[in-house]
Amino acid sequence: MRNCQVLMILLLFFSCDYFDKKKVNAEDLLNESLRSFNWNEVDEYPTFENCDSSASKDEKKACFENVLATTVYGQLKDSHLIVTEALNDTLFLEFEISSSGEIDYMASTGDPIIYQEIPGIDSIINSSLKTLPKVYPALKRGQQVKTAFKIPLVIRTD
């Protein structure tokens, strides 16, 4: 009987740690969550209303880039540009899409010969972006977020 009482006392003494609750600081929990958060990727890319909403993330990205490039190419073609040299180069377009779906053309970078042969190319690109269909912004954890893009645009003339 005495052994049972000693055993009970020992169990009670050592089991007290089992009932202690550790407090979790909300700020520590938030900081841990933010450290594991990948800020360089979005859950869903921006999309246009004519892109399939049930498509995969990569398909939505491809649709977005395709609609964008097709619109810019169409505007360049409609401008009936005349160049003195044959061009075969890549122009990189940089733009942002706000959390409300507004497109802001930032700049383009490429071979200086493109800018020499087509002096108004930036204004043509900027005006073509204004003719795009409605843009739905990117999503991160269900929230609309601002995103920046840099896409290639091949300029080829004969």
N, C-alpha and C. Protein backbone atom coordinates (compact mmCIF):
# COMPACT_ATOMS: atom_id res chain seq x y z
N MET A 1 0.81 -1.18 0.00
CA MET A 1 0.00 0.00 0.00
C MET A 1 0.87 1.26 0.00
N ARG A 2 1.92 1.16 0.77
CA ARG A 2 2.83 2.30 0.86
C ARG A 2 3.46 2.58 -0.50
N ASN A 3 3.78 1.52 -1.26
CA ASN A 3 4.36 1.70 -2.60
C ASN A 3 3.37 2.39 -3.54
N CYS A 4 2.10 2.07 -3.40
CA CYS A 4 1.07 2.71 -4.23
C CYS A 4 0.97 4.19 -3.92
N GLN A 5 1.08 4.54 -2.64
CA GLN A 5 1.00 5.96 -2.26
C GLN A 5 2.21 6.72 -2.79
N VAL A 6 3.39 6.12 -2.71
CA VAL A 6 4.60 6.76 -3.23
C VAL A 6 4.49 6.91 -4.74
N LEU A 7 3.99 5.89 -5.40
CA LEU A 7 3.82 5.95 -6.84
C LEU A 7 2.82 7.04 -7.23
N MET A 8 1.73 7.16 -6.51
CA MET A 8 0.74 8.21 -6.78
C MET A 8 1.33 9.60 -6.59
N ILE A 9 2.11 9.78 -5.54
CA ILE A 9 2.74 11.08 -5.27
C ILE A 9 3.72 11.42 -6.38
N LEU A 10 4.51 10.43 -6.80
CA LEU A 10 5.47 10.66 -7.88
C LEU A 10 4.75 11.00 -9.19
N LEU A 11 3.67 10.30 -9.50
CA LEU A 11 2.90 10.59 -10.71
C LEU A 11 2.33 12.00 -10.68
N LEU A 12 1.78 12.38 -9.54
CA LEU A 12 1.24 13.73 -9.42
C LEU A 12 2.33 14.79 -9.54
N PHE A 13 3.47 14.53 -8.96
CA PHE A 13 4.58 15.48 -8.98
C PHE A 13 5.09 15.69 -10.41
N PHE A 14 5.29 14.58 -11.14
CA PHE A 14 5.85 14.68 -12.49
C PHE A 14 4.80 15.01 -13.56
N SER A 15 3.55 14.78 -13.28
CA SER A 15 2.53 15.07 -14.27
C SER A 15 2.10 16.53 -14.27
N CYS A 16 2.57 17.32 -13.35
CA CYS A 16 2.22 18.74 -13.32
C CYS A 16 2.69 19.45 -14.58
N ASP A 17 3.84 19.03 -15.11
CA ASP A 17 4.33 19.64 -16.35
C ASP A 17 3.41 19.33 -17.52
N TYR A 18 2.72 18.22 -17.45
CA TYR A 18 1.82 17.83 -18.52
C TYR A 18 0.66 18.80 -18.65
N PHE A 19 0.23 19.37 -17.55
CA PHE A 19 -0.92 20.27 -17.56
C PHE A 19 -0.55 21.72 -17.80
N ASP A 20 0.73 22.04 -17.78
CA ASP A 20 1.15 23.42 -18.06
C ASP A 20 0.91 23.73 -19.53
N LYS A 21 0.27 24.81 -19.78
CA LYS A 21 0.02 25.25 -21.15
C LYS A 21 1.06 26.32 -21.50
N LYS A 22 1.66 26.15 -22.64
CA LYS A 22 2.61 27.16 -23.10
C LYS A 22 1.83 28.21 -23.86
N LYS A 23 2.09 29.44 -23.53
CA LYS A 23 1.40 30.54 -24.22
C LYS A 23 2.14 30.84 -25.51
N VAL A 24 1.36 31.01 -26.58
CA VAL A 24 1.91 31.34 -27.87
C VAL A 24 1.61 32.81 -28.12
N ASN A 25 2.65 33.56 -28.36
CA ASN A 25 2.51 34.98 -28.64
C ASN A 25 2.00 35.15 -30.07
N ALA A 26 0.95 35.90 -30.24
CA ALA A 26 0.35 36.10 -31.58
C ALA A 26 1.36 36.73 -32.53
N GLU A 27 2.19 37.62 -32.02
CA GLU A 27 3.19 38.26 -32.88
C GLU A 27 4.24 37.25 -33.35
N ASP A 28 4.64 36.33 -32.47
CA ASP A 28 5.59 35.29 -32.86
C ASP A 28 4.98 34.39 -33.92
N LEU A 29 3.71 34.07 -33.76
CA LEU A 29 3.02 33.24 -34.73
C LEU A 29 2.94 33.94 -36.09
N LEU A 30 2.64 35.23 -36.09
CA LEU A 30 2.58 36.01 -37.32
C LEU A 30 3.95 36.08 -37.98
N ASN A 31 4.98 36.35 -37.19
CA ASN A 31 6.34 36.43 -37.75
C ASN A 31 6.77 35.11 -38.37
N GLU A 32 6.44 34.01 -37.73
CA GLU A 32 6.78 32.69 -38.27
C GLU A 32 6.04 32.46 -39.59
N SER A 33 4.78 32.86 -39.64
CA SER A 33 4.00 32.71 -40.86
C SER A 33 4.58 33.56 -41.99
N LEU A 34 5.00 34.78 -41.67
CA LEU A 34 5.56 35.67 -42.69
C LEU A 34 6.90 35.18 -43.21
N ARG A 35 7.69 34.53 -42.34
CA ARG A 35 8.98 34.00 -42.78
C ARG A 35 8.79 32.85 -43.77
N SER A 36 7.75 32.06 -43.59
CA SER A 36 7.52 30.92 -44.48
C SER A 36 6.74 31.32 -45.72
N PHE A 37 6.29 32.54 -45.81
CA PHE A 37 5.47 33.06 -46.90
C PHE A 37 6.36 33.41 -48.09
N ASN A 38 6.06 32.90 -49.28
CA ASN A 38 6.83 33.21 -50.48
C ASN A 38 6.24 34.46 -51.13
N TRP A 39 6.94 35.57 -50.98
CA TRP A 39 6.45 36.85 -51.48
C TRP A 39 6.66 37.01 -52.98
N ASN A 40 7.44 36.13 -53.61
CA ASN A 40 7.76 36.29 -55.02
C ASN A 40 6.82 35.53 -55.96
N GLU A 41 5.86 34.83 -55.42
CA GLU A 41 4.91 34.10 -56.25
C GLU A 41 3.49 34.44 -55.85
N VAL A 42 2.61 34.37 -56.81
CA VAL A 42 1.20 34.59 -56.54
C VAL A 42 0.47 33.26 -56.66
N ASP A 43 -0.69 33.17 -56.03
CA ASP A 43 -1.48 31.96 -56.12
C ASP A 43 -2.17 31.86 -57.48
N GLU A 44 -2.61 33.01 -58.01
CA GLU A 44 -3.22 33.08 -59.33
C GLU A 44 -2.68 34.29 -60.06
N TYR A 45 -2.28 34.08 -61.31
CA TYR A 45 -1.77 35.18 -62.13
C TYR A 45 -2.92 36.09 -62.56
N PRO A 46 -2.59 37.31 -62.95
CA PRO A 46 -3.63 38.16 -63.51
C PRO A 46 -4.22 37.47 -64.73
N THR A 47 -5.44 37.78 -65.03
CA THR A 47 -6.08 37.14 -66.17
C THR A 47 -7.05 38.11 -66.84
N PHE A 48 -7.39 37.77 -68.05
CA PHE A 48 -8.37 38.55 -68.80
C PHE A 48 -9.69 37.81 -68.78
N GLU A 49 -10.77 38.53 -69.04
CA GLU A 49 -12.09 37.91 -68.97
C GLU A 49 -12.28 36.82 -70.02
N ASN A 50 -11.52 36.84 -71.10
CA ASN A 50 -11.67 35.81 -72.12
C ASN A 50 -10.76 34.60 -71.89
N CYS A 51 -10.01 34.57 -70.77
CA CYS A 51 -9.21 33.40 -70.41
C CYS A 51 -10.07 32.46 -69.56
N ASP A 52 -9.83 31.17 -69.67
CA ASP A 52 -10.60 30.15 -68.96
C ASP A 52 -10.33 30.23 -67.46
N SER A 53 -11.35 30.48 -66.67
CA SER A 53 -11.18 30.62 -65.22
C SER A 53 -10.93 29.28 -64.53
N SER A 54 -11.22 28.17 -65.20
CA SER A 54 -10.99 26.87 -64.58
C SER A 54 -9.65 26.27 -64.99
N ALA A 55 -8.86 27.00 -65.74
CA ALA A 55 -7.56 26.51 -66.20
C ALA A 55 -6.56 26.47 -65.05
N SER A 56 -5.47 25.76 -65.28
CA SER A 56 -4.42 25.67 -64.26
C SER A 56 -3.66 26.99 -64.18
N LYS A 57 -2.83 27.11 -63.17
CA LYS A 57 -2.05 28.33 -62.96
C LYS A 57 -1.16 28.63 -64.17
N ASP A 58 -0.49 27.61 -64.70
CA ASP A 58 0.39 27.81 -65.85
C ASP A 58 -0.40 28.17 -67.11
N GLU A 59 -1.58 27.56 -67.28
CA GLU A 59 -2.41 27.87 -68.45
C GLU A 59 -2.93 29.30 -68.37
N LYS A 60 -3.28 29.75 -67.16
CA LYS A 60 -3.74 31.14 -67.01
C LYS A 60 -2.62 32.12 -67.31
N LYS A 61 -1.42 31.79 -66.87
CA LYS A 61 -0.26 32.65 -67.15
C LYS A 61 -0.01 32.72 -68.65
N ALA A 62 -0.06 31.56 -69.32
CA ALA A 62 0.16 31.52 -70.77
C ALA A 62 -0.92 32.32 -71.50
N CYS A 63 -2.16 32.19 -71.08
CA CYS A 63 -3.26 32.94 -71.70
C CYS A 63 -3.04 34.44 -71.52
N PHE A 64 -2.68 34.84 -70.31
CA PHE A 64 -2.44 36.25 -70.02
C PHE A 64 -1.36 36.81 -70.94
N GLU A 65 -0.22 36.11 -71.01
CA GLU A 65 0.89 36.58 -71.84
C GLU A 65 0.53 36.58 -73.32
N ASN A 66 -0.24 35.58 -73.75
CA ASN A 66 -0.64 35.49 -75.15
C ASN A 66 -1.57 36.65 -75.54
N VAL A 67 -2.57 36.94 -74.72
CA VAL A 67 -3.49 38.05 -75.00
C VAL A 67 -2.72 39.36 -75.04
N LEU A 68 -1.82 39.54 -74.10
CA LEU A 68 -1.02 40.76 -74.03
C LEU A 68 -0.15 40.91 -75.29
N ALA A 69 0.60 39.87 -75.64
CA ALA A 69 1.49 39.93 -76.81
C ALA A 69 0.69 40.11 -78.10
N THR A 70 -0.43 39.41 -78.23
CA THR A 70 -1.25 39.53 -79.44
C THR A 70 -1.78 40.95 -79.61
N THR A 71 -2.18 41.56 -78.52
CA THR A 71 -2.69 42.93 -78.58
C THR A 71 -1.60 43.91 -79.00
N VAL A 72 -0.41 43.77 -78.42
CA VAL A 72 0.70 44.67 -78.76
C VAL A 72 1.12 44.45 -80.21
N TYR A 73 1.27 43.17 -80.63
CA TYR A 73 1.63 42.89 -82.02
C TYR A 73 0.60 43.47 -82.99
N GLY A 74 -0.67 43.33 -82.66
CA GLY A 74 -1.73 43.87 -83.52
C GLY A 74 -1.62 45.37 -83.68
N GLN A 75 -1.33 46.07 -82.59
CA GLN A 75 -1.19 47.52 -82.64
C GLN A 75 0.04 47.92 -83.47
N LEU A 76 1.14 47.18 -83.31
CA LEU A 76 2.34 47.47 -84.10
C LEU A 76 2.07 47.23 -85.60
N LYS A 77 1.35 46.16 -85.89
CA LYS A 77 1.03 45.85 -87.29
C LYS A 77 0.12 46.91 -87.89
N ASP A 78 -0.86 47.37 -87.11
CA ASP A 78 -1.79 48.39 -87.60
C ASP A 78 -1.12 49.75 -87.77
N SER A 79 0.03 49.96 -87.18
CA SER A 79 0.72 51.24 -87.28
C SER A 79 1.43 51.42 -88.62
N HIS A 80 1.54 50.35 -89.40
CA HIS A 80 2.19 50.38 -90.71
C HIS A 80 3.55 51.09 -90.62
N LEU A 81 4.39 50.54 -89.81
CA LEU A 81 5.72 51.11 -89.60
C LEU A 81 6.62 50.87 -90.81
N ILE A 82 7.46 51.85 -91.10
CA ILE A 82 8.44 51.72 -92.18
C ILE A 82 9.82 51.84 -91.55
N VAL A 83 10.63 50.81 -91.79
CA VAL A 83 11.98 50.79 -91.23
C VAL A 83 12.99 50.72 -92.37
N THR A 84 14.20 51.21 -92.09
CA THR A 84 15.25 51.21 -93.12
C THR A 84 16.15 49.99 -93.01
N GLU A 85 16.13 49.33 -91.85
CA GLU A 85 16.94 48.13 -91.65
C GLU A 85 16.05 46.98 -91.21
N ALA A 86 16.44 45.77 -91.58
CA ALA A 86 15.71 44.59 -91.11
C ALA A 86 16.00 44.41 -89.62
N LEU A 87 14.95 44.15 -88.86
CA LEU A 87 15.09 43.95 -87.41
C LEU A 87 14.74 42.52 -87.05
N ASN A 88 15.50 41.97 -86.15
CA ASN A 88 15.21 40.66 -85.58
C ASN A 88 15.79 40.66 -84.17
N ASP A 89 15.04 41.23 -83.25
CA ASP A 89 15.54 41.39 -81.89
C ASP A 89 14.39 41.28 -80.90
N THR A 90 14.75 41.25 -79.64
CA THR A 90 13.74 41.12 -78.59
C THR A 90 13.69 42.38 -77.75
N LEU A 91 12.50 42.82 -77.51
CA LEU A 91 12.23 43.97 -76.66
C LEU A 91 11.58 43.43 -75.39
N PHE A 92 12.06 43.83 -74.23
CA PHE A 92 11.48 43.37 -72.98
C PHE A 92 10.59 44.47 -72.40
N LEU A 93 9.31 44.14 -72.22
CA LEU A 93 8.33 45.09 -71.71
C LEU A 93 8.19 44.92 -70.21
N GLU A 94 8.25 46.03 -69.49
CA GLU A 94 8.07 46.00 -68.04
C GLU A 94 6.81 46.80 -67.70
N PHE A 95 5.94 46.15 -66.95
CA PHE A 95 4.70 46.83 -66.55
C PHE A 95 4.22 46.26 -65.24
N GLU A 96 3.29 46.98 -64.62
CA GLU A 96 2.69 46.55 -63.37
C GLU A 96 1.18 46.48 -63.54
N ILE A 97 0.59 45.58 -62.80
CA ILE A 97 -0.86 45.49 -62.74
C ILE A 97 -1.24 45.74 -61.29
N SER A 98 -2.03 46.75 -61.05
CA SER A 98 -2.41 47.13 -59.69
C SER A 98 -3.38 46.11 -59.11
N SER A 99 -3.62 46.25 -57.82
CA SER A 99 -4.56 45.33 -57.16
C SER A 99 -6.00 45.57 -57.62
N SER A 100 -6.23 46.68 -58.33
CA SER A 100 -7.57 46.93 -58.87
C SER A 100 -7.66 46.55 -60.36
N GLY A 101 -6.56 46.06 -60.96
CA GLY A 101 -6.58 45.60 -62.34
C GLY A 101 -6.14 46.63 -63.36
N GLU A 102 -5.56 47.72 -62.92
CA GLU A 102 -5.07 48.76 -63.85
C GLU A 102 -3.66 48.40 -64.32
N ILE A 103 -3.41 48.54 -65.64
CA ILE A 103 -2.09 48.25 -66.19
C ILE A 103 -1.31 49.55 -66.29
N ASP A 104 -0.09 49.51 -65.78
CA ASP A 104 0.80 50.68 -65.84
C ASP A 104 2.07 50.27 -66.57
N TYR A 105 2.26 50.80 -67.78
CA TYR A 105 3.45 50.51 -68.57
C TYR A 105 4.63 51.26 -67.98
N MET A 106 5.69 50.54 -67.65
CA MET A 106 6.85 51.15 -67.00
C MET A 106 7.92 51.54 -68.03
N ALA A 107 8.41 50.54 -68.77
CA ALA A 107 9.49 50.80 -69.72
C ALA A 107 9.69 49.59 -70.61
N SER A 108 10.55 49.79 -71.61
CA SER A 108 10.97 48.67 -72.43
C SER A 108 12.49 48.74 -72.56
N THR A 109 13.10 47.59 -72.68
CA THR A 109 14.54 47.55 -72.87
C THR A 109 14.84 46.64 -74.05
N GLY A 110 15.81 47.04 -74.82
CA GLY A 110 16.19 46.25 -75.99
C GLY A 110 17.33 46.92 -76.72
N ASP A 111 17.65 46.38 -77.85
CA ASP A 111 18.74 46.89 -78.68
C ASP A 111 18.39 48.32 -79.12
N PRO A 112 19.34 49.24 -79.02
CA PRO A 112 19.07 50.63 -79.44
C PRO A 112 18.62 50.79 -80.89
N ILE A 113 18.94 49.81 -81.73
CA ILE A 113 18.53 49.90 -83.13
C ILE A 113 17.01 49.87 -83.26
N ILE A 114 16.34 49.18 -82.34
CA ILE A 114 14.87 49.13 -82.37
C ILE A 114 14.30 50.53 -82.14
N TYR A 115 14.85 51.24 -81.16
CA TYR A 115 14.37 52.59 -80.85
C TYR A 115 14.74 53.58 -81.96
N GLN A 116 15.84 53.31 -82.65
CA GLN A 116 16.25 54.17 -83.76
C GLN A 116 15.33 53.97 -84.96
N GLU A 117 14.98 52.72 -85.24
CA GLU A 117 14.14 52.41 -86.39
C GLU A 117 12.65 52.69 -86.13
N ILE A 118 12.24 52.51 -84.88
CA ILE A 118 10.84 52.75 -84.51
C ILE A 118 10.84 53.72 -83.33
N PRO A 119 11.02 55.01 -83.59
CA PRO A 119 11.16 55.98 -82.50
C PRO A 119 9.96 56.08 -81.55
N GLY A 120 8.78 55.81 -82.02
CA GLY A 120 7.60 55.93 -81.16
C GLY A 120 7.10 54.60 -80.61
N ILE A 121 7.98 53.63 -80.52
CA ILE A 121 7.53 52.29 -80.12
C ILE A 121 6.94 52.26 -78.72
N ASP A 122 7.51 53.03 -77.80
CA ASP A 122 6.97 53.04 -76.43
C ASP A 122 5.54 53.59 -76.39
N SER A 123 5.26 54.62 -77.18
CA SER A 123 3.90 55.17 -77.17
C SER A 123 2.93 54.20 -77.84
N ILE A 124 3.38 53.47 -78.86
CA ILE A 124 2.52 52.46 -79.51
C ILE A 124 2.19 51.35 -78.51
N ILE A 125 3.20 50.90 -77.78
CA ILE A 125 2.98 49.84 -76.78
C ILE A 125 2.04 50.34 -75.70
N ASN A 126 2.28 51.54 -75.22
CA ASN A 126 1.44 52.10 -74.16
C ASN A 126 -0.01 52.22 -74.61
N SER A 127 -0.24 52.69 -75.83
CA SER A 127 -1.62 52.83 -76.32
C SER A 127 -2.25 51.46 -76.55
N SER A 128 -1.46 50.46 -76.94
CA SER A 128 -2.03 49.13 -77.14
C SER A 128 -2.47 48.51 -75.81
N LEU A 129 -1.77 48.82 -74.73
CA LEU A 129 -2.15 48.30 -73.42
C LEU A 129 -3.49 48.87 -72.96
N LYS A 130 -3.82 50.05 -73.45
CA LYS A 130 -5.10 50.67 -73.08
C LYS A 130 -6.28 50.00 -73.80
N THR A 131 -6.01 49.24 -74.85
CA THR A 131 -7.07 48.56 -75.58
C THR A 131 -7.32 47.13 -75.10
N LEU A 132 -6.59 46.72 -74.10
CA LEU A 132 -6.75 45.36 -73.58
C LEU A 132 -8.12 45.17 -72.94
N PRO A 133 -8.63 43.94 -72.97
CA PRO A 133 -9.89 43.69 -72.26
C PRO A 133 -9.69 43.83 -70.75
N LYS A 134 -10.77 43.76 -70.00
CA LYS A 134 -10.71 43.90 -68.55
C LYS A 134 -9.71 42.92 -67.95
N VAL A 135 -8.87 43.45 -67.04
CA VAL A 135 -7.86 42.64 -66.38
C VAL A 135 -8.31 42.35 -64.96
N TYR A 136 -8.23 41.08 -64.58
CA TYR A 136 -8.47 40.70 -63.20
C TYR A 136 -7.12 40.54 -62.54
N PRO A 137 -6.87 41.23 -61.43
CA PRO A 137 -5.53 41.21 -60.82
C PRO A 137 -5.14 39.84 -60.26
N ALA A 138 -3.87 39.71 -59.97
CA ALA A 138 -3.34 38.48 -59.37
C ALA A 138 -3.89 38.32 -57.96
N LEU A 139 -3.90 37.07 -57.50
CA LEU A 139 -4.39 36.77 -56.15
C LEU A 139 -3.30 36.11 -55.34
N LYS A 140 -3.19 36.52 -54.10
CA LYS A 140 -2.29 35.89 -53.13
C LYS A 140 -3.10 35.69 -51.86
N ARG A 141 -3.30 34.45 -51.48
CA ARG A 141 -4.11 34.10 -50.32
C ARG A 141 -5.50 34.73 -50.37
N GLY A 142 -6.06 34.74 -51.56
CA GLY A 142 -7.42 35.25 -51.75
C GLY A 142 -7.52 36.76 -51.84
N GLN A 143 -6.40 37.47 -51.74
CA GLN A 143 -6.41 38.93 -51.81
C GLN A 143 -5.85 39.39 -53.16
N GLN A 144 -6.45 40.42 -53.72
CA GLN A 144 -5.94 41.00 -54.95
C GLN A 144 -4.65 41.74 -54.64
N VAL A 145 -3.61 41.48 -55.43
CA VAL A 145 -2.30 42.08 -55.17
C VAL A 145 -1.73 42.72 -56.43
N LYS A 146 -0.83 43.67 -56.22
CA LYS A 146 -0.12 44.32 -57.31
C LYS A 146 1.00 43.38 -57.77
N THR A 147 1.20 43.28 -59.08
CA THR A 147 2.25 42.44 -59.62
C THR A 147 3.03 43.20 -60.68
N ALA A 148 4.29 42.83 -60.84
CA ALA A 148 5.15 43.40 -61.86
C ALA A 148 5.56 42.30 -62.83
N PHE A 149 5.61 42.64 -64.10
CA PHE A 149 5.95 41.68 -65.13
C PHE A 149 7.01 42.23 -66.06
N LYS A 150 7.77 41.32 -66.62
CA LYS A 150 8.73 41.65 -67.66
C LYS A 150 8.59 40.53 -68.68
N ILE A 151 8.04 40.87 -69.86
CA ILE A 151 7.83 39.84 -70.87
C ILE A 151 8.56 40.21 -72.15
N PRO A 152 9.01 39.19 -72.89
CA PRO A 152 9.72 39.46 -74.15
C PRO A 152 8.74 39.69 -75.29
N LEU A 153 9.14 40.56 -76.18
CA LEU A 153 8.36 40.84 -77.39
C LEU A 153 9.36 40.83 -78.55
N VAL A 154 9.22 39.87 -79.45
CA VAL A 154 10.15 39.72 -80.58
C VAL A 154 9.74 40.69 -81.68
N ILE A 155 10.68 41.52 -82.10
CA ILE A 155 10.46 42.49 -83.18
C ILE A 155 11.22 41.96 -84.39
N ARG A 156 10.43 41.61 -85.42
CA ARG A 156 11.05 41.03 -86.61
C ARG A 156 10.45 41.70 -87.84
N THR A 157 11.32 42.27 -88.68
CA THR A 157 10.87 42.88 -89.93
C THR A 157 11.71 42.35 -91.08
N ASP A 158 11.20 42.54 -92.27
CA ASP A 158 11.95 42.12 -93.48
C ASP A 158 12.44 43.31 -94.23
